[in-house]
Amino acid sequence: AHTIARAPGLACKIWGLDPETGRGTSIYLFRDAAAARAFAAGPAISALRNGPAEDVTTRIAPVDVALSIITGASGALALSEPAGE
């Protein structure tokens, strides 16, 4: 977790794990699309794919800010704003 926390452009990561199946999921919020693409193509995801994890996939999608605010994501979205904006 500490290594991932230092990923360039990462605002936050939400961790999920189903204890019955051992299947995990993660949602990453990056400050920009370039940082998300770099992370998806980088060593952390590569290590997961080459390790014991199965079916490691990545998807990059823009955030729907209006809907996210309605459902309470204002705090997380504030984290994703680049410094000084």
Protein backbone atom coordinates (compact mmCIF):
# COMPACT_ATOMS: atom_id res chain seq x y z
CA ALA A 1 0.00 0.00 0.00
CA HIS A 2 2.81 2.42 0.80
CA THR A 3 4.40 1.93 -2.62
CA ILE A 4 1.10 2.50 -4.41
CA ALA A 5 0.43 5.60 -2.30
CA ARG A 6 3.54 7.17 -3.86
CA ALA A 7 2.39 6.60 -7.46
CA PRO A 8 2.69 9.86 -9.39
CA GLY A 9 -0.68 11.56 -9.79
CA LEU A 10 -2.59 9.17 -7.52
CA ALA A 11 -5.23 10.95 -5.44
CA CYS A 12 -6.57 7.85 -3.69
CA LYS A 13 -7.21 4.12 -4.02
CA ILE A 14 -10.18 2.18 -2.71
CA TRP A 15 -9.44 -1.45 -1.88
CA GLY A 16 -11.99 -4.26 -2.11
CA LEU A 17 -11.64 -7.95 -1.29
CA ASP A 18 -14.25 -10.69 -1.20
CA PRO A 19 -13.08 -12.92 1.69
CA GLU A 20 -15.06 -15.91 0.39
CA THR A 21 -13.50 -15.97 -3.08
CA GLY A 22 -10.29 -14.05 -2.45
CA ARG A 23 -11.14 -11.90 -5.47
CA GLY A 24 -10.02 -8.31 -5.16
CA THR A 25 -10.95 -5.10 -6.87
CA SER A 26 -9.50 -1.63 -6.73
CA ILE A 27 -10.65 1.81 -7.78
CA TYR A 28 -7.94 4.39 -8.34
CA LEU A 29 -8.57 8.13 -8.65
CA PHE A 30 -5.80 9.96 -10.49
CA ARG A 31 -5.30 13.68 -10.92
CA ASP A 32 -5.24 13.31 -14.72
CA ALA A 33 -5.61 10.74 -17.47
CA ALA A 34 -1.89 10.72 -18.27
CA ALA A 35 -1.06 9.61 -14.71
CA ALA A 36 -3.73 6.89 -14.90
CA ARG A 37 -2.36 5.58 -18.20
CA ALA A 38 1.21 5.63 -16.89
CA PHE A 39 0.21 3.68 -13.79
CA ALA A 40 -1.77 1.11 -15.81
CA ALA A 41 1.27 0.55 -18.05
CA GLY A 42 3.76 0.60 -15.19
CA PRO A 43 5.53 -1.87 -12.93
CA ALA A 44 2.86 -2.22 -10.21
CA ILE A 45 0.23 -3.58 -12.60
CA SER A 46 2.84 -5.60 -14.47
CA ALA A 47 3.89 -7.25 -11.18
CA LEU A 48 0.27 -8.17 -10.45
CA ARG A 49 -0.12 -9.72 -13.88
CA ASN A 50 3.10 -11.71 -13.49
CA GLY A 51 2.33 -12.80 -9.93
CA PRO A 52 -0.25 -15.09 -8.39
CA ALA A 53 -3.20 -12.81 -9.23
CA GLU A 54 -5.54 -14.01 -11.98
CA ASP A 55 -7.47 -12.00 -14.55
CA VAL A 56 -5.81 -8.65 -13.82
CA THR A 57 -7.51 -6.05 -15.98
CA THR A 58 -7.41 -2.28 -16.11
CA ARG A 59 -9.96 0.20 -17.39
CA ILE A 60 -9.53 3.94 -17.55
CA ALA A 61 -12.65 6.08 -17.61
CA PRO A 62 -13.34 9.76 -17.01
CA VAL A 63 -15.12 10.73 -13.82
CA ASP A 64 -18.69 12.01 -14.13
CA VAL A 65 -18.23 14.85 -11.65
CA ALA A 66 -21.89 15.89 -11.42
CA LEU A 67 -23.16 12.39 -10.61
CA SER A 68 -20.22 11.70 -8.30
CA ILE A 69 -20.97 14.82 -6.25
CA ILE A 70 -24.62 13.77 -5.90
CA THR A 71 -23.52 10.42 -4.46
CA GLY A 72 -21.11 11.93 -1.95
CA ALA A 73 -17.74 11.89 -3.70
CA SER A 74 -16.95 15.58 -3.18
CA GLY A 75 -14.10 14.81 -0.78
CA ALA A 76 -12.45 12.31 -3.10
CA LEU A 77 -12.84 14.63 -6.06
CA ALA A 78 -11.16 17.42 -4.11
CA LEU A 79 -8.19 15.09 -3.63
CA SER A 80 -7.89 14.66 -7.37
CA GLU A 81 -7.50 18.37 -8.11
CA PRO A 82 -3.95 19.34 -8.99
CA ALA A 83 -2.30 21.57 -6.39
CA GLY A 84 -2.95 25.25 -6.93
CA GLU A 85 -6.27 24.85 -8.71
